[in-house]
N, C-alpha and C. Protein backbone atom coordinates (compact mmCIF):
# COMPACT_ATOMS: atom_id res chain seq x y z
N MET A 1 -7.89 -35.04 26.15
CA MET A 1 -6.36 -34.36 25.63
C MET A 1 -6.65 -33.15 25.76
N LEU A 2 -5.81 -32.22 26.61
CA LEU A 2 -5.64 -30.81 26.54
C LEU A 2 -4.60 -30.24 25.66
N ASN A 3 -5.03 -29.16 25.18
CA ASN A 3 -4.09 -28.65 24.19
C ASN A 3 -3.52 -27.47 25.20
N CYS A 4 -3.10 -26.47 24.85
CA CYS A 4 -2.16 -24.91 25.47
C CYS A 4 -3.49 -24.30 25.94
N ARG A 5 -4.51 -23.94 25.02
CA ARG A 5 -5.52 -23.20 25.83
C ARG A 5 -6.30 -23.66 26.50
N SER A 6 -6.53 -24.76 26.66
CA SER A 6 -7.35 -25.65 27.71
C SER A 6 -6.49 -26.07 28.69
N MET A 7 -5.34 -26.23 28.72
CA MET A 7 -4.26 -26.48 29.91
C MET A 7 -4.21 -25.15 30.70
N ARG A 8 -4.44 -24.08 30.07
CA ARG A 8 -4.15 -22.89 30.73
C ARG A 8 -5.45 -22.50 31.42
N VAL A 9 -6.50 -22.70 30.68
CA VAL A 9 -8.04 -22.43 31.26
C VAL A 9 -7.89 -23.45 32.46
N ALA A 10 -7.52 -24.78 32.39
CA ALA A 10 -7.63 -25.50 33.73
C ALA A 10 -6.75 -25.28 34.74
N VAL A 11 -5.63 -24.46 34.58
CA VAL A 11 -4.69 -23.83 35.46
C VAL A 11 -5.48 -22.66 36.44
N ILE A 12 -5.68 -21.72 35.34
CA ILE A 12 -6.75 -20.96 36.18
C ILE A 12 -7.93 -20.93 36.63
N VAL A 13 -8.69 -22.05 36.18
CA VAL A 13 -9.91 -22.42 37.00
C VAL A 13 -9.52 -22.84 38.34
N SER A 14 -8.15 -23.90 38.29
CA SER A 14 -8.16 -24.34 39.94
C SER A 14 -7.75 -23.35 40.65
N GLY A 15 -6.84 -22.45 40.12
CA GLY A 15 -6.41 -21.12 40.95
C GLY A 15 -7.54 -20.48 41.57
N LEU A 16 -8.70 -20.03 40.70
CA LEU A 16 -9.74 -19.50 41.23
C LEU A 16 -10.61 -20.50 41.83
N LEU A 17 -10.65 -21.47 41.83
CA LEU A 17 -11.67 -22.33 42.77
C LEU A 17 -10.80 -22.36 44.29
N LEU A 18 -9.37 -22.64 44.01
CA LEU A 18 -8.59 -22.75 45.19
C LEU A 18 -8.86 -21.40 46.12
N ALA A 19 -8.44 -20.00 45.46
CA ALA A 19 -8.98 -18.62 46.07
C ALA A 19 -10.33 -18.83 46.71
N ALA A 20 -11.55 -19.15 45.87
CA ALA A 20 -12.75 -19.14 46.43
C ALA A 20 -12.87 -19.68 47.54
N GLY A 21 -12.44 -20.75 47.58
CA GLY A 21 -12.38 -21.75 48.92
C GLY A 21 -11.81 -21.48 50.01
N LEU A 22 -10.68 -20.75 49.47
CA LEU A 22 -10.07 -20.01 50.99
C LEU A 22 -10.97 -18.77 51.39
N LEU A 23 -11.51 -17.95 50.55
CA LEU A 23 -12.02 -16.81 50.86
C LEU A 23 -13.32 -17.10 51.60
N LEU A 24 -14.13 -18.05 51.10
CA LEU A 24 -15.54 -18.83 51.59
C LEU A 24 -15.02 -19.62 53.15
N GLY A 25 -13.73 -19.89 53.22
CA GLY A 25 -13.35 -20.53 54.10
C GLY A 25 -13.25 -19.55 55.54
N LEU A 26 -12.40 -18.26 55.11
CA LEU A 26 -12.27 -17.36 55.94
C LEU A 26 -13.65 -16.57 56.23
N PHE A 27 -14.84 -16.61 55.55
CA PHE A 27 -16.00 -15.79 55.82
C PHE A 27 -16.73 -17.30 56.69
N ALA A 28 -16.44 -18.13 56.43
CA ALA A 28 -16.96 -19.54 57.42
C ALA A 28 -16.55 -19.36 58.62
N VAL A 29 -15.67 -18.50 58.84
CA VAL A 29 -15.44 -18.58 60.71
C VAL A 29 -15.95 -17.37 61.30
N ALA A 30 -16.20 -16.41 60.65
CA ALA A 30 -17.29 -14.94 60.81
C ALA A 30 -18.63 -15.56 60.88
N ALA A 31 -18.95 -16.62 59.90
CA ALA A 31 -20.71 -16.72 59.85
C ALA A 31 -20.99 -17.43 60.98
N PRO A 32 -22.56 -17.14 61.31
CA PRO A 32 -23.16 -17.72 62.18
C PRO A 32 -23.47 -19.33 61.72
N LEU A 33 -23.46 -19.48 60.63
CA LEU A 33 -24.20 -20.67 60.05
C LEU A 33 -22.52 -21.37 59.41
N THR A 34 -21.85 -21.97 60.46
CA THR A 34 -20.62 -22.38 60.06
C THR A 34 -20.60 -23.69 59.20
N MET A 35 -21.46 -24.43 59.66
CA MET A 35 -21.38 -25.84 59.03
C MET A 35 -21.49 -25.72 57.42
N PRO A 36 -22.36 -25.12 56.84
CA PRO A 36 -22.53 -25.49 55.05
C PRO A 36 -21.52 -24.45 54.63
N PHE A 37 -20.86 -23.30 55.48
CA PHE A 37 -20.02 -22.70 54.53
C PHE A 37 -18.65 -23.38 54.33
N THR A 38 -18.46 -23.85 55.50
CA THR A 38 -17.17 -25.05 55.79
C THR A 38 -17.40 -26.03 54.77
N GLN A 39 -18.32 -26.73 54.61
CA GLN A 39 -18.12 -27.74 53.61
C GLN A 39 -18.15 -27.32 52.21
N ALA A 40 -18.98 -26.18 52.07
CA ALA A 40 -18.67 -25.43 50.64
C ALA A 40 -17.65 -25.52 50.55
N ALA A 41 -16.71 -24.73 51.09
CA ALA A 41 -15.25 -23.94 51.10
C ALA A 41 -14.38 -25.08 50.96
N LEU A 42 -14.52 -26.48 51.65
CA LEU A 42 -13.75 -27.44 51.68
C LEU A 42 -14.13 -28.27 50.10
N MET A 43 -15.01 -28.22 49.62
CA MET A 43 -15.71 -28.78 48.11
C MET A 43 -15.07 -27.82 46.98
N LEU A 44 -14.85 -26.55 47.22
CA LEU A 44 -13.94 -25.54 46.36
C LEU A 44 -12.86 -25.93 46.04
N VAL A 45 -12.05 -25.93 47.58
CA VAL A 45 -10.70 -26.34 47.53
C VAL A 45 -10.16 -27.95 46.87
N LEU A 46 -11.24 -28.67 47.12
CA LEU A 46 -10.72 -30.34 46.59
C LEU A 46 -11.26 -29.90 45.01
N ALA A 47 -12.14 -29.26 44.54
CA ALA A 47 -12.62 -29.29 42.95
C ALA A 47 -11.17 -28.61 42.60
N GLY A 48 -10.80 -27.82 43.21
CA GLY A 48 -9.51 -26.83 42.44
C GLY A 48 -8.22 -27.85 42.54
N ALA A 49 -8.10 -28.82 43.46
CA ALA A 49 -7.18 -29.59 43.46
C ALA A 49 -7.26 -30.89 42.87
N ALA A 50 -8.74 -31.18 42.35
CA ALA A 50 -9.05 -32.40 41.16
C ALA A 50 -8.65 -31.96 39.82
N VAL A 51 -9.19 -30.42 39.75
CA VAL A 51 -8.59 -29.85 38.15
C VAL A 51 -7.52 -29.87 37.95
N LEU A 52 -6.47 -29.40 39.06
CA LEU A 52 -5.25 -29.21 38.77
C LEU A 52 -4.40 -30.54 38.75
N SER A 53 -5.13 -31.59 39.41
CA SER A 53 -4.33 -32.84 39.29
C SER A 53 -4.76 -33.63 37.84
N VAL A 54 -5.90 -33.36 37.31
CA VAL A 54 -6.16 -33.56 36.10
C VAL A 54 -5.47 -33.21 35.10
N ALA A 55 -5.04 -31.49 34.96
CA ALA A 55 -4.28 -31.21 34.10
C ALA A 55 -2.97 -31.48 34.15
N PHE A 56 -2.30 -32.04 35.33
CA PHE A 56 -0.89 -32.64 35.58
C PHE A 56 -0.75 -34.20 35.20
N ILE A 57 -2.08 -34.77 35.17
CA ILE A 57 -1.96 -35.98 34.80
C ILE A 57 -1.73 -35.96 33.28
N ASP A 58 -2.85 -35.26 32.81
CA ASP A 58 -2.47 -34.98 31.33
C ASP A 58 -1.31 -34.68 30.39
N ALA A 59 -0.67 -33.55 31.31
CA ALA A 59 0.52 -33.37 30.99
C ALA A 59 1.63 -34.54 30.85
N LEU A 60 1.22 -35.43 31.77
CA LEU A 60 2.65 -36.69 32.06
C LEU A 60 2.10 -37.62 30.85
N MET A 61 1.01 -37.37 30.25
CA MET A 61 0.51 -38.71 29.23
C MET A 61 1.48 -39.05 28.17
N PRO A 62 1.36 -40.16 27.28
CA PRO A 62 2.48 -39.99 26.45
C PRO A 62 1.74 -39.17 25.33
N GLY A 63 2.90 -38.69 24.30
CA GLY A 63 2.29 -38.00 23.12
C GLY A 63 1.87 -36.50 23.71
N ALA A 64 2.30 -36.21 24.85
CA ALA A 64 1.50 -34.57 25.50
C ALA A 64 2.86 -33.78 25.33
N ASP A 65 4.18 -34.25 24.77
CA ASP A 65 5.05 -33.40 24.50
C ASP A 65 4.82 -32.61 22.96
N GLN A 66 4.49 -33.55 22.43
CA GLN A 66 4.08 -33.04 20.93
C GLN A 66 2.74 -32.15 20.99
N ARG A 67 2.01 -32.57 21.76
CA ARG A 67 0.52 -31.45 21.84
C ARG A 67 0.92 -30.42 22.50
N LEU A 68 1.74 -30.28 23.64
CA LEU A 68 2.13 -29.24 24.05
C LEU A 68 3.46 -28.45 23.95
N ASP A 69 3.95 -28.55 22.84
CA ASP A 69 5.18 -28.20 22.32
C ASP A 69 5.23 -26.77 21.71
N GLY A 70 4.09 -26.54 21.40
CA GLY A 70 3.90 -25.07 20.61
C GLY A 70 3.59 -23.97 21.53
N CYS A 71 3.39 -24.38 23.19
CA CYS A 71 2.83 -23.81 23.84
C CYS A 71 3.71 -22.56 24.48
N GLN A 72 3.20 -21.07 24.52
CA GLN A 72 4.12 -20.33 25.17
C GLN A 72 4.04 -19.99 26.29
N HIS A 73 5.18 -20.31 27.11
CA HIS A 73 5.55 -20.20 28.51
C HIS A 73 5.45 -18.36 29.09
């Protein structure tokens, strides 16, 4: 169960993982060893999407409105 702080951290970590995956993907285009960098970039992007989806599913759980009611948006 995520609270306000951990929900915020999950969204930030997800954004950082997505950005790192995109940057590594751009680097993979210019690198001579494309395959390992491309796979790592894909894993970073998928990990970012997974973290964001876990935070989203947790926000949809029953009782989440009481836990997240005091969050400052």
